[in-house]
C-alpha atoms as a PDB file:
ATOM      1  CA  UNK A   1      16.646  -1.440  -2.087  1.00  0.00           C
ATOM      2  CA  UNK A   2      14.366   1.289  -3.377  1.00  0.00           C
ATOM      3  CA  UNK A   3      12.462   3.391  -0.890  1.00  0.00           C
ATOM      4  CA  UNK A   4       9.700   5.822  -1.758  1.00  0.00           C
ATOM      5  CA  UNK A   5       7.635   8.253   0.206  1.00  0.00           C
ATOM      6  CA  UNK A   6       4.620   9.548  -1.693  1.00  0.00           C
ATOM      7  CA  UNK A   7       3.019  12.719  -0.372  1.00  0.00           C
ATOM      8  CA  UNK A   8       0.423  14.653  -2.342  1.00  0.00           C
ATOM      9  CA  UNK A   9      -3.008  16.226  -1.995  1.00  0.00           C
ATOM     10  CA  UNK A  10      -6.204  14.179  -1.880  1.00  0.00           C
ATOM     11  CA  UNK A  11      -7.364  12.884  -5.249  1.00  0.00           C
ATOM     12  CA  UNK A  12      -3.964  13.205  -6.915  1.00  0.00           C
ATOM     13  CA  UNK A  13      -3.577   9.463  -7.631  1.00  0.00           C
ATOM     14  CA  UNK A  14      -1.266   8.326  -4.823  1.00  0.00           C
ATOM     15  CA  UNK A  15      -3.034   4.994  -4.339  1.00  0.00           C
ATOM     16  CA  UNK A  16      -3.025   4.251  -8.062  1.00  0.00           C
ATOM     17  CA  UNK A  17       0.661   5.175  -8.366  1.00  0.00           C
ATOM     18  CA  UNK A  18       1.720   3.054  -5.410  1.00  0.00           C
ATOM     19  CA  UNK A  19      -0.344  -0.006  -6.331  1.00  0.00           C
ATOM     20  CA  UNK A  20       0.714   0.058  -9.960  1.00  0.00           C
ATOM     21  CA  UNK A  21       4.419   0.524  -9.293  1.00  0.00           C
ATOM     22  CA  UNK A  22       5.062  -2.300  -6.815  1.00  0.00           C
ATOM     23  CA  UNK A  23       6.856  -5.419  -7.941  1.00  0.00           C
ATOM     24  CA  UNK A  24       4.992  -8.423  -6.502  1.00  0.00           C
ATOM     25  CA  UNK A  25       8.072 -10.658  -6.398  1.00  0.00           C
ATOM     26  CA  UNK A  26       9.837  -8.169  -4.094  1.00  0.00           C
ATOM     27  CA  UNK A  27       8.994  -7.278  -0.497  1.00  0.00           C
ATOM     28  CA  UNK A  28       6.683  -4.265  -0.227  1.00  0.00           C
ATOM     29  CA  UNK A  29       5.482  -2.331   2.794  1.00  0.00           C
ATOM     30  CA  UNK A  30       2.588   0.041   2.169  1.00  0.00           C
ATOM     31  CA  UNK A  31       1.547   2.264   5.072  1.00  0.00           C
ATOM     32  CA  UNK A  32      -1.425   4.606   5.246  1.00  0.00           C
ATOM     33  CA  UNK A  33      -2.895   6.689   8.046  1.00  0.00           C
ATOM     34  CA  UNK A  34      -6.576   5.682   7.784  1.00  0.00           C
ATOM     35  CA  UNK A  35      -8.498   2.442   7.505  1.00  0.00           C
ATOM     36  CA  UNK A  36     -10.364   3.919   4.528  1.00  0.00           C
ATOM     37  CA  UNK A  37      -7.056   4.336   2.693  1.00  0.00           C
ATOM     38  CA  UNK A  38      -6.165   0.734   3.511  1.00  0.00           C
ATOM     39  CA  UNK A  39      -9.467  -0.384   1.941  1.00  0.00           C
ATOM     40  CA  UNK A  40      -8.663   1.633  -1.190  1.00  0.00           C
ATOM     41  CA  UNK A  41      -5.173   0.123  -1.407  1.00  0.00           C
ATOM     42  CA  UNK A  42      -6.557  -3.397  -1.014  1.00  0.00           C
ATOM     43  CA  UNK A  43      -9.080  -2.688  -3.771  1.00  0.00           C
ATOM     44  CA  UNK A  44      -6.401  -1.407  -6.170  1.00  0.00           C
ATOM     45  CA  UNK A  45      -4.115  -4.389  -5.454  1.00  0.00           C
ATOM     46  CA  UNK A  46      -6.984  -6.839  -5.990  1.00  0.00           C
ATOM     47  CA  UNK A  47      -7.833  -5.122  -9.284  1.00  0.00           C
ATOM     48  CA  UNK A  48      -4.234  -5.352 -10.490  1.00  0.00           C
ATOM     49  CA  UNK A  49      -3.080  -8.734  -9.156  1.00  0.00           C
ATOM     50  CA  UNK A  50      -6.277 -10.575  -8.220  1.00  0.00           C
ATOM     51  CA  UNK A  51      -4.931 -10.901  -4.652  1.00  0.00           C
ATOM     52  CA  UNK A  52      -2.602  -9.104  -2.289  1.00  0.00           C
ATOM     53  CA  UNK A  53       0.898 -10.180  -3.380  1.00  0.00           C
ATOM     54  CA  UNK A  54       2.440 -12.632  -0.919  1.00  0.00           C
ATOM     55  CA  UNK A  55       5.418 -10.418  -0.064  1.00  0.00           C
ATOM     56  CA  UNK A  56       3.348  -7.259   0.355  1.00  0.00           C
ATOM     57  CA  UNK A  57       2.266  -5.893   3.728  1.00  0.00           C
ATOM     58  CA  UNK A  58      -0.482  -3.263   3.852  1.00  0.00           C
ATOM     59  CA  UNK A  59      -1.041  -1.624   7.222  1.00  0.00           C
ATOM     60  CA  UNK A  60      -2.006   1.572   8.934  1.00  0.00           C
ATOM     61  CA  UNK A  61       0.939   3.570  10.207  1.00  0.00           C
ATOM     62  CA  UNK A  62      -0.132   3.024  13.822  1.00  0.00           C
ATOM     63  CA  UNK A  63      -0.794  -0.673  13.293  1.00  0.00           C
ATOM     64  CA  UNK A  64       2.725  -1.070  11.952  1.00  0.00           C
ATOM     65  CA  UNK A  65       4.283   0.860  14.855  1.00  0.00           C
ATOM     66  CA  UNK A  66       2.392  -1.150  17.458  1.00  0.00           C
ATOM     67  CA  UNK A  67       3.091  -4.502  15.797  1.00  0.00           C
ATOM     68  CA  UNK A  68      -0.423  -5.303  14.592  1.00  0.00           C
ATOM     69  CA  UNK A  69       0.747  -6.363  11.131  1.00  0.00           C
END
């Protein structure tokens, strides 16, 4: 199982990197701190796959911790 943590400054391409490196047939968990980042991730995934891949969960960090996924 591969695990990645991507940390970089704003505007460096984190969202693009993450959304273009996932494998839709595998389980993916993408966490972000803000709802705006979640919107950007959804947009990138829709651009690439046409839909959020079935085995992919996109959530805020707090939503994941408090079971709102």
